[in-house]
Structure formats: structure tokens, C-alpha cells
Amino acid sequence: MSGLLCGFPPFYAPDSRVLILGSFPSVKSREEGFYYGNPRNAFWRILASFFGCDMPKSVEEKKSFLTNNRVALWDIVTKCNIKGSSDSTITDCEVANLREIFTNSDINAIIINGEKAYSIFVKNYKDIAVPVYRAPSTSPANTRRCDDEWFTALRKAFGAT
């Protein structure tokens, strides 16, 4: 397991309500130094649309956006071997210890971004005490993504009707 790539630390505030868990940062995200750094990834566009905000561009704008909307971000995989950005190539992974976020914030729902993240989450967190919503990957590699599924998950997670 030598030479593992490291993901990002969790991003959250004490009043974060919803944790969005991805799989592992893409090459573009690792270059930018923050989550969902590929401009072709639909993540920021979907969240901005849901919250009725302008899409954040810089890392600082993204952090402010997340804090203002009480969203926490992390990846279920904190270290791994991966080829490029492809989730299907993730091996030797270390799984996030979600206790850190639950101990230090007000998370009351989780949205999981993509199949790989979901399968790793379910394998490691069968008895989580908050509602968990599955959403299709926002990656540009996912050509079957449906934004409506994301909006439904966000409405449920934030308690909107």
C-alpha cells in the first residue's frame, strides 16, 4: 500500500446539516486542491441551481457557498491507488472515519455522489443513524446523470417539501 494518493480533509462547519460524500478527488480536483475541481463536473452547477445562487468559481467562493448553505463535503475514500480519475480503478483504499464530522457538526442527512462511493459506504457504514440518499455521479464520465435525481435527494436531505 505504499505510494497511496491522499484525498482532501473533510470540509464542514459546526452547523453543517448535510454531508455529501463522493468517492475520491479527480485529477483536476487534486490539481485545484479542492472538491469537484473539474469544470465539466456538474456538482457545483447542480448545487447552485438548487440553492438559487450563482455558481461558485474559486476555491474560496466554493468554501463560502458550502458554509452559507450548511453543506459538508468529504470523500468516503481518504487514501488509495487510482489510475487517473476512474473510480473503477480504486484499490487499496482507506475509508473515511465519519465520526469526525458527526462529532463536530450537526449532520442530519447524507447524500452519496455516485455508485462507487455508495458501495464503499454501505460496506463500511451499515448502521448509520441519519437518512442516506443516493444520487448519480456528477462526473462528466457519467453520461446517464439525471439532475432531477439530485434535486430530489437535496430536497429530502434538507427537509424541503
Protein backbone atom coordinates (compact mmCIF):
# COMPACT_ATOMS: atom_id res chain seq x y z
CA MET A 1 0.00 0.00 0.00
CA SER A 2 2.96 2.33 -0.45
CA GLY A 3 2.55 5.29 -2.76
CA LEU A 4 -1.11 5.82 -1.93
CA LEU A 5 -2.66 9.08 -3.03
CA CYS A 6 -4.30 11.14 -0.29
CA GLY A 7 -7.66 12.82 -0.66
CA PHE A 8 -8.78 16.03 0.98
CA PRO A 9 -9.67 16.57 4.61
CA PRO A 10 -13.37 16.93 5.31
CA PHE A 11 -14.87 20.36 4.78
CA TYR A 12 -17.57 21.28 7.29
CA ALA A 13 -18.70 23.86 9.80
CA PRO A 14 -20.24 23.24 13.23
CA ASP A 15 -23.70 23.99 11.78
CA SER A 16 -23.35 21.85 8.62
CA ARG A 17 -26.57 19.87 8.14
CA VAL A 18 -25.98 17.70 5.07
CA LEU A 19 -22.85 15.72 4.27
CA ILE A 20 -22.20 14.99 0.61
CA LEU A 21 -19.83 12.07 0.19
CA GLY A 22 -18.01 11.42 -3.05
CA SER A 23 -15.57 8.63 -3.86
CA PHE A 24 -12.11 10.21 -4.30
CA PRO A 25 -10.88 13.50 -5.83
CA SER A 26 -10.35 13.53 -9.59
CA VAL A 27 -7.04 14.54 -11.15
CA LYS A 28 -8.47 18.03 -11.83
CA SER A 29 -9.68 18.34 -8.24
CA ARG A 30 -6.28 17.27 -6.91
CA GLU A 31 -4.67 19.92 -9.14
CA GLU A 32 -7.07 22.60 -7.85
CA GLY A 33 -6.75 21.43 -4.26
CA PHE A 34 -10.47 21.18 -3.53
CA TYR A 35 -13.51 19.07 -4.21
CA TYR A 36 -15.13 18.89 -7.66
CA GLY A 37 -12.47 20.92 -9.44
CA ASN A 38 -13.24 19.67 -12.94
CA PRO A 39 -15.27 22.44 -14.62
CA ARG A 40 -17.16 19.74 -16.55
CA ASN A 41 -18.34 18.09 -13.32
CA ALA A 42 -21.98 19.05 -12.72
CA PHE A 43 -21.67 19.19 -8.91
CA TRP A 44 -21.36 22.97 -8.41
CA ARG A 45 -23.91 23.77 -11.13
CA ILE A 46 -26.49 21.44 -9.54
CA LEU A 47 -25.97 22.80 -6.02
CA ALA A 48 -26.02 26.43 -7.19
CA SER A 49 -29.26 25.78 -9.06
CA PHE A 50 -30.83 24.07 -6.04
CA PHE A 51 -29.93 26.92 -3.68
CA GLY A 52 -30.75 29.64 -6.24
CA CYS A 53 -27.21 31.04 -6.15
CA ASP A 54 -24.54 31.94 -8.65
CA MET A 55 -22.18 29.07 -9.30
CA PRO A 56 -19.03 29.45 -7.19
CA LYS A 57 -15.80 29.51 -9.18
CA SER A 58 -12.78 29.86 -6.90
CA VAL A 59 -11.96 27.56 -4.01
CA GLU A 60 -12.72 30.38 -1.56
CA GLU A 61 -16.12 31.00 -3.22
CA LYS A 62 -16.86 27.27 -3.02
CA LYS A 63 -15.98 27.15 0.67
CA SER A 64 -18.14 30.18 1.40
CA PHE A 65 -21.01 28.68 -0.64
CA LEU A 66 -20.83 25.41 1.32
CA THR A 67 -20.66 27.17 4.69
CA ASN A 68 -23.55 29.50 3.85
CA ASN A 69 -25.71 26.58 2.74
CA ARG A 70 -24.70 24.28 5.62
CA VAL A 71 -23.19 21.63 3.35
CA ALA A 72 -20.26 19.44 4.38
CA LEU A 73 -18.07 17.62 1.84
CA TRP A 74 -15.83 14.63 2.13
CA ASP A 75 -14.94 11.51 0.20
CA ILE A 76 -15.57 8.02 1.50
CA VAL A 77 -12.04 7.09 0.36
CA THR A 78 -9.29 9.08 2.08
CA LYS A 79 -6.29 7.25 0.56
CA CYS A 80 -5.98 4.84 -2.34
CA ASN A 81 -4.29 3.78 -5.52
CA ILE A 82 -6.16 5.09 -8.55
CA LYS A 83 -5.44 5.41 -12.25
CA GLY A 84 -6.34 8.89 -13.41
CA SER A 85 -9.80 9.79 -12.13
CA SER A 86 -11.60 6.50 -12.75
CA ASP A 87 -13.46 5.15 -9.72
CA SER A 88 -13.32 1.68 -11.23
CA THR A 89 -9.54 1.64 -10.71
CA ILE A 90 -9.59 2.46 -6.98
CA THR A 91 -7.66 -0.15 -4.96
CA ASP A 92 -6.07 -0.38 -1.53
CA CYS A 93 -8.44 2.19 -0.14
CA GLU A 94 -8.64 3.63 3.33
CA VAL A 95 -12.17 4.58 4.31
CA ALA A 96 -13.11 7.88 5.95
CA ASN A 97 -13.89 7.84 9.65
CA LEU A 98 -17.19 9.72 9.64
CA ARG A 99 -17.18 10.09 13.42
CA GLU A 100 -15.08 13.24 13.00
CA ILE A 101 -17.84 15.06 11.13
CA PHE A 102 -20.66 13.69 13.28
CA THR A 103 -18.85 14.70 16.46
CA ASN A 104 -18.05 18.22 15.29
CA SER A 105 -21.08 19.26 13.23
CA ASP A 106 -24.86 18.99 13.06
CA ILE A 107 -25.16 16.49 10.18
CA ASN A 108 -28.66 15.06 9.89
CA ALA A 109 -28.53 13.57 6.37
CA ILE A 110 -26.01 12.19 3.89
CA ILE A 111 -26.11 12.33 0.10
CA ILE A 112 -23.80 9.92 -1.67
CA ASN A 113 -22.43 11.03 -5.04
CA GLY A 114 -22.12 8.01 -7.33
CA GLU A 115 -22.14 4.23 -7.31
CA LYS A 116 -18.56 3.61 -6.14
CA ALA A 117 -18.96 5.92 -3.17
CA TYR A 118 -22.28 4.28 -2.33
CA SER A 119 -20.92 0.72 -2.47
CA ILE A 120 -17.95 1.58 -0.24
CA PHE A 121 -20.19 3.50 2.18
CA VAL A 122 -22.72 0.65 2.51
CA LYS A 123 -19.96 -1.90 3.06
CA ASN A 124 -18.48 0.17 5.91
CA TYR A 125 -21.45 2.01 7.42
CA LYS A 126 -24.44 -0.33 7.54
CA ASP A 127 -25.99 1.16 10.68
CA ILE A 128 -25.58 4.90 10.22
CA ALA A 129 -28.10 6.85 12.31
CA VAL A 130 -29.12 9.50 9.74
CA PRO A 131 -31.02 9.21 6.44
CA VAL A 132 -28.82 8.39 3.46
CA TYR A 133 -29.76 9.41 -0.09
CA ARG A 134 -28.13 8.05 -3.19
CA ALA A 135 -27.52 10.35 -6.15
CA PRO A 136 -25.96 9.65 -9.56
CA SER A 137 -22.35 10.65 -10.07
CA THR A 138 -21.88 14.26 -11.15
CA SER A 139 -18.73 13.26 -13.02
CA PRO A 140 -18.52 14.17 -16.72
CA ALA A 141 -17.86 10.46 -17.31
CA ASN A 142 -21.44 9.70 -16.22
CA THR A 143 -23.46 10.36 -19.35
CA ARG A 144 -26.67 9.00 -17.79
CA ARG A 145 -26.83 11.50 -14.93
CA CYS A 146 -30.23 12.99 -14.24
CA ASP A 147 -30.24 16.31 -12.39
CA ASP A 148 -33.78 15.63 -11.13
CA GLU A 149 -32.45 12.76 -9.01
CA TRP A 150 -30.03 15.18 -7.39
CA PHE A 151 -32.74 17.77 -6.74
CA THR A 152 -34.91 15.08 -5.14
CA ALA A 153 -32.05 13.94 -2.89
CA LEU A 154 -31.25 17.54 -1.92
CA ARG A 155 -34.91 18.32 -1.13
CA LYS A 156 -35.17 15.23 1.06
CA ALA A 157 -31.84 15.84 2.77
CA PHE A 158 -32.66 19.47 3.56
CA GLY A 159 -36.20 18.64 4.61
CA ALA A 160 -37.85 20.64 1.80
CA THR A 161 -41.28 19.54 0.66
